[in-house]
Amino acid sequence: MAPISKSISSIESTSVRSLIESLANVLDMLRADGTITNDAYLDAGSIQGGMMMIANLIDAGIDRNELAEHMSALVSRSQRVEQAHPGISSSIESALS
């Protein structure tokens, strides 16, 4: 989430879509090797959906201030996923790097 949040005023939808693809691959890998549960996988998938909405809003030319509000809501959602599945964020970040 950090790469998108930090550059919300200038990020392009192609960059967001690239992050979505990377996230999807990492989540598949983490679920397959048992690092995360199926429930964690499904909950994290809601973040992917939110990221796709961000990419679509960028393509639609939405005002970046409104986009920042949507991003803030997505960050809150990701925090709730982390609370429900402690350690999922660090597992994803480790796999992405």
N, C-alpha and C. Protein backbone atom coordinates (compact mmCIF):
# COMPACT_ATOMS: atom_id res chain seq x y z
N MET A 1 0.81 -1.19 0.00
CA MET A 1 0.00 0.00 0.00
C MET A 1 0.86 1.26 0.00
N ALA A 2 2.02 1.17 0.63
CA ALA A 2 2.87 2.35 0.77
C ALA A 2 3.26 2.98 -0.57
N PRO A 3 3.65 2.18 -1.58
CA PRO A 3 4.03 2.84 -2.85
C PRO A 3 2.90 3.65 -3.46
N ILE A 4 1.68 3.17 -3.29
CA ILE A 4 0.54 3.91 -3.85
C ILE A 4 0.22 5.12 -2.99
N SER A 5 0.15 4.93 -1.69
CA SER A 5 -0.20 6.03 -0.78
C SER A 5 0.75 7.20 -0.91
N LYS A 6 2.04 6.91 -0.99
CA LYS A 6 3.04 7.97 -1.01
C LYS A 6 3.02 8.76 -2.31
N SER A 7 2.57 8.15 -3.38
CA SER A 7 2.60 8.84 -4.67
C SER A 7 1.22 9.01 -5.28
N ILE A 8 0.20 9.08 -4.44
CA ILE A 8 -1.17 9.14 -4.93
C ILE A 8 -1.42 10.34 -5.84
N SER A 9 -0.65 11.40 -5.65
CA SER A 9 -0.88 12.60 -6.48
C SER A 9 -0.34 12.44 -7.90
N SER A 10 0.51 11.44 -8.13
CA SER A 10 1.09 11.33 -9.46
C SER A 10 1.14 9.91 -10.02
N ILE A 11 0.74 8.92 -9.26
CA ILE A 11 0.85 7.53 -9.72
C ILE A 11 -0.06 7.28 -10.92
N GLU A 12 0.40 6.44 -11.82
CA GLU A 12 -0.36 6.09 -13.00
C GLU A 12 -1.06 4.75 -12.78
N SER A 13 -2.14 4.54 -13.48
CA SER A 13 -2.90 3.30 -13.31
C SER A 13 -2.09 2.07 -13.68
N THR A 14 -1.18 2.20 -14.63
CA THR A 14 -0.35 1.05 -15.02
C THR A 14 0.52 0.60 -13.85
N SER A 15 1.00 1.53 -13.06
CA SER A 15 1.80 1.18 -11.88
C SER A 15 0.96 0.45 -10.84
N VAL A 16 -0.27 0.93 -10.65
CA VAL A 16 -1.18 0.29 -9.69
C VAL A 16 -1.51 -1.12 -10.17
N ARG A 17 -1.78 -1.27 -11.46
CA ARG A 17 -2.10 -2.58 -12.01
C ARG A 17 -0.92 -3.54 -11.87
N SER A 18 0.27 -3.04 -12.03
CA SER A 18 1.46 -3.87 -11.84
C SER A 18 1.56 -4.36 -10.40
N LEU A 19 1.28 -3.46 -9.46
CA LEU A 19 1.28 -3.85 -8.04
C LEU A 19 0.19 -4.88 -7.75
N ILE A 20 -0.96 -4.74 -8.39
CA ILE A 20 -2.05 -5.69 -8.21
C ILE A 20 -1.61 -7.08 -8.67
N GLU A 21 -0.97 -7.13 -9.82
CA GLU A 21 -0.50 -8.42 -10.35
C GLU A 21 0.54 -9.04 -9.41
N SER A 22 1.44 -8.22 -8.92
CA SER A 22 2.45 -8.73 -7.98
C SER A 22 1.79 -9.24 -6.71
N LEU A 23 0.81 -8.50 -6.20
CA LEU A 23 0.10 -8.91 -4.99
C LEU A 23 -0.63 -10.23 -5.22
N ALA A 24 -1.27 -10.36 -6.36
CA ALA A 24 -1.99 -11.60 -6.67
C ALA A 24 -1.04 -12.79 -6.68
N ASN A 25 0.11 -12.62 -7.29
CA ASN A 25 1.09 -13.71 -7.35
C ASN A 25 1.60 -14.07 -5.96
N VAL A 26 1.89 -13.05 -5.15
CA VAL A 26 2.39 -13.29 -3.80
C VAL A 26 1.33 -13.98 -2.94
N LEU A 27 0.10 -13.52 -3.03
CA LEU A 27 -0.97 -14.14 -2.25
C LEU A 27 -1.17 -15.60 -2.63
N ASP A 28 -1.11 -15.89 -3.93
CA ASP A 28 -1.22 -17.27 -4.38
C ASP A 28 -0.10 -18.12 -3.79
N MET A 29 1.12 -17.60 -3.83
CA MET A 29 2.28 -18.32 -3.30
C MET A 29 2.15 -18.54 -1.79
N LEU A 30 1.77 -17.49 -1.06
CA LEU A 30 1.65 -17.59 0.39
C LEU A 30 0.56 -18.57 0.81
N ARG A 31 -0.51 -18.60 0.06
CA ARG A 31 -1.58 -19.55 0.37
C ARG A 31 -1.14 -20.97 0.03
N ALA A 32 -0.48 -21.13 -1.09
CA ALA A 32 -0.04 -22.46 -1.51
C ALA A 32 0.96 -23.07 -0.54
N ASP A 33 1.85 -22.23 0.01
CA ASP A 33 2.86 -22.80 0.92
C ASP A 33 2.41 -22.80 2.38
N GLY A 34 1.17 -22.38 2.63
CA GLY A 34 0.61 -22.45 3.97
C GLY A 34 0.98 -21.30 4.90
N THR A 35 1.63 -20.28 4.37
CA THR A 35 2.00 -19.12 5.19
C THR A 35 0.76 -18.36 5.64
N ILE A 36 -0.24 -18.28 4.76
CA ILE A 36 -1.50 -17.62 5.13
C ILE A 36 -2.64 -18.61 4.92
N THR A 37 -3.69 -18.39 5.67
CA THR A 37 -4.87 -19.24 5.55
C THR A 37 -5.71 -18.82 4.36
N ASN A 38 -6.66 -19.67 4.02
CA ASN A 38 -7.58 -19.33 2.95
C ASN A 38 -8.39 -18.08 3.29
N ASP A 39 -8.79 -17.95 4.57
CA ASP A 39 -9.52 -16.75 4.99
C ASP A 39 -8.67 -15.49 4.82
N ALA A 40 -7.40 -15.57 5.19
CA ALA A 40 -6.51 -14.43 5.02
C ALA A 40 -6.35 -14.10 3.54
N TYR A 41 -6.25 -15.12 2.72
CA TYR A 41 -6.14 -14.94 1.27
C TYR A 41 -7.36 -14.20 0.73
N LEU A 42 -8.53 -14.63 1.16
CA LEU A 42 -9.76 -14.00 0.68
C LEU A 42 -9.88 -12.56 1.18
N ASP A 43 -9.53 -12.33 2.45
CA ASP A 43 -9.59 -10.97 2.98
C ASP A 43 -8.60 -10.05 2.26
N ALA A 44 -7.41 -10.55 1.99
CA ALA A 44 -6.43 -9.76 1.27
C ALA A 44 -6.89 -9.49 -0.17
N GLY A 45 -7.68 -10.39 -0.71
CA GLY A 45 -8.24 -10.17 -2.04
C GLY A 45 -9.13 -8.94 -2.10
N SER A 46 -9.74 -8.56 -0.98
CA SER A 46 -10.54 -7.34 -0.97
C SER A 46 -9.66 -6.11 -1.17
N ILE A 47 -8.41 -6.21 -0.74
CA ILE A 47 -7.46 -5.12 -0.96
C ILE A 47 -7.14 -5.02 -2.44
N GLN A 48 -6.96 -6.17 -3.07
CA GLN A 48 -6.74 -6.17 -4.52
C GLN A 48 -7.89 -5.48 -5.25
N GLY A 49 -9.10 -5.79 -4.84
CA GLY A 49 -10.27 -5.15 -5.45
C GLY A 49 -10.26 -3.65 -5.27
N GLY A 50 -9.88 -3.21 -4.07
CA GLY A 50 -9.78 -1.78 -3.81
C GLY A 50 -8.71 -1.12 -4.65
N MET A 51 -7.60 -1.84 -4.84
CA MET A 51 -6.53 -1.29 -5.69
C MET A 51 -7.00 -1.19 -7.14
N MET A 52 -7.78 -2.16 -7.59
CA MET A 52 -8.31 -2.10 -8.95
C MET A 52 -9.24 -0.91 -9.11
N MET A 53 -10.04 -0.64 -8.08
CA MET A 53 -10.91 0.54 -8.11
C MET A 53 -10.06 1.81 -8.22
N ILE A 54 -8.96 1.88 -7.47
CA ILE A 54 -8.06 3.04 -7.54
C ILE A 54 -7.54 3.20 -8.96
N ALA A 55 -7.09 2.11 -9.58
CA ALA A 55 -6.58 2.17 -10.95
C ALA A 55 -7.66 2.66 -11.92
N ASN A 56 -8.88 2.15 -11.75
CA ASN A 56 -9.98 2.57 -12.62
C ASN A 56 -10.33 4.04 -12.42
N LEU A 57 -10.28 4.50 -11.17
CA LEU A 57 -10.56 5.92 -10.91
C LEU A 57 -9.48 6.82 -11.52
N ILE A 58 -8.25 6.36 -11.49
CA ILE A 58 -7.17 7.13 -12.13
C ILE A 58 -7.46 7.24 -13.62
N ASP A 59 -7.82 6.11 -14.24
CA ASP A 59 -8.14 6.11 -15.67
C ASP A 59 -9.33 7.02 -15.99
N ALA A 60 -10.25 7.11 -15.06
CA ALA A 60 -11.44 7.95 -15.27
C ALA A 60 -11.14 9.43 -15.06
N GLY A 61 -9.93 9.74 -14.58
CA GLY A 61 -9.54 11.13 -14.41
C GLY A 61 -10.10 11.78 -13.16
N ILE A 62 -10.40 10.98 -12.14
CA ILE A 62 -10.95 11.53 -10.90
C ILE A 62 -9.96 12.51 -10.27
N ASP A 63 -10.50 13.49 -9.60
CA ASP A 63 -9.68 14.47 -8.89
C ASP A 63 -8.78 13.74 -7.89
N ARG A 64 -7.52 14.12 -7.85
CA ARG A 64 -6.55 13.42 -6.98
C ARG A 64 -6.87 13.58 -5.50
N ASN A 65 -7.54 14.64 -5.11
CA ASN A 65 -7.95 14.78 -3.71
C ASN A 65 -9.00 13.74 -3.35
N GLU A 66 -9.94 13.53 -4.25
CA GLU A 66 -10.94 12.50 -4.01
C GLU A 66 -10.30 11.11 -4.05
N LEU A 67 -9.34 10.95 -4.93
CA LEU A 67 -8.60 9.69 -5.01
C LEU A 67 -7.87 9.41 -3.70
N ALA A 68 -7.31 10.44 -3.11
CA ALA A 68 -6.61 10.29 -1.83
C ALA A 68 -7.58 9.82 -0.74
N GLU A 69 -8.83 10.28 -0.79
CA GLU A 69 -9.82 9.83 0.18
C GLU A 69 -10.11 8.33 0.01
N HIS A 70 -10.22 7.89 -1.23
CA HIS A 70 -10.44 6.47 -1.50
C HIS A 70 -9.23 5.66 -1.03
N MET A 71 -8.04 6.21 -1.25
CA MET A 71 -6.83 5.52 -0.82
C MET A 71 -6.78 5.40 0.69
N SER A 72 -7.20 6.44 1.38
CA SER A 72 -7.23 6.42 2.84
C SER A 72 -8.16 5.32 3.34
N ALA A 73 -9.31 5.18 2.70
CA ALA A 73 -10.25 4.12 3.07
C ALA A 73 -9.65 2.75 2.82
N LEU A 74 -8.90 2.61 1.74
CA LEU A 74 -8.26 1.34 1.42
C LEU A 74 -7.17 1.00 2.44
N VAL A 75 -6.43 2.00 2.87
CA VAL A 75 -5.42 1.79 3.91
C VAL A 75 -6.09 1.33 5.20
N SER A 76 -7.20 1.93 5.55
CA SER A 76 -7.95 1.51 6.75
C SER A 76 -8.40 0.06 6.62
N ARG A 77 -8.87 -0.29 5.44
CA ARG A 77 -9.30 -1.68 5.21
C ARG A 77 -8.12 -2.63 5.36
N SER A 78 -6.97 -2.25 4.85
CA SER A 78 -5.79 -3.12 4.96
C SER A 78 -5.36 -3.27 6.42
N GLN A 79 -5.55 -2.23 7.21
CA GLN A 79 -5.24 -2.32 8.64
C GLN A 79 -6.18 -3.29 9.34
N ARG A 80 -7.44 -3.30 8.93
CA ARG A 80 -8.40 -4.24 9.51
C ARG A 80 -8.05 -5.68 9.12
N VAL A 81 -7.58 -5.87 7.90
CA VAL A 81 -7.15 -7.21 7.47
C VAL A 81 -5.95 -7.65 8.31
N GLU A 82 -5.03 -6.73 8.57
CA GLU A 82 -3.86 -7.05 9.40
C GLU A 82 -4.30 -7.40 10.82
N GLN A 83 -5.27 -6.70 11.35
CA GLN A 83 -5.77 -7.01 12.70
C GLN A 83 -6.41 -8.39 12.74
N ALA A 84 -7.13 -8.74 11.70
CA ALA A 84 -7.79 -10.04 11.65
C ALA A 84 -6.80 -11.18 11.40
N HIS A 85 -5.71 -10.85 10.71
CA HIS A 85 -4.71 -11.86 10.33
C HIS A 85 -3.31 -11.29 10.63
N PRO A 86 -2.95 -11.25 11.91
CA PRO A 86 -1.67 -10.65 12.30
C PRO A 86 -0.49 -11.27 11.54
N GLY A 87 0.34 -10.38 11.02
CA GLY A 87 1.54 -10.82 10.30
C GLY A 87 1.37 -10.92 8.80
N ILE A 88 0.14 -10.79 8.30
CA ILE A 88 -0.05 -10.93 6.87
C ILE A 88 0.68 -9.84 6.08
N SER A 89 0.68 -8.62 6.61
CA SER A 89 1.35 -7.52 5.90
C SER A 89 2.84 -7.80 5.78
N SER A 90 3.47 -8.24 6.86
CA SER A 90 4.91 -8.50 6.81
C SER A 90 5.22 -9.68 5.89
N SER A 91 4.34 -10.68 5.87
CA SER A 91 4.55 -11.82 4.96
C SER A 91 4.48 -11.37 3.51
N ILE A 92 3.53 -10.51 3.22
CA ILE A 92 3.39 -10.00 1.83
C ILE A 92 4.58 -9.14 1.48
N GLU A 93 4.96 -8.23 2.36
CA GLU A 93 6.09 -7.34 2.08
C GLU A 93 7.37 -8.14 1.88
N SER A 94 7.60 -9.16 2.69
CA SER A 94 8.80 -9.98 2.56
C SER A 94 8.80 -10.70 1.21
N ALA A 95 7.66 -11.22 0.82
CA ALA A 95 7.58 -11.95 -0.46
C ALA A 95 7.72 -11.01 -1.65
N LEU A 96 7.29 -9.77 -1.50
CA LEU A 96 7.41 -8.80 -2.60
C LEU A 96 8.83 -8.29 -2.80
N SER A 97 9.63 -8.35 -1.74
CA SER A 97 10.98 -7.80 -1.88
C SER A 97 12.01 -8.84 -2.23
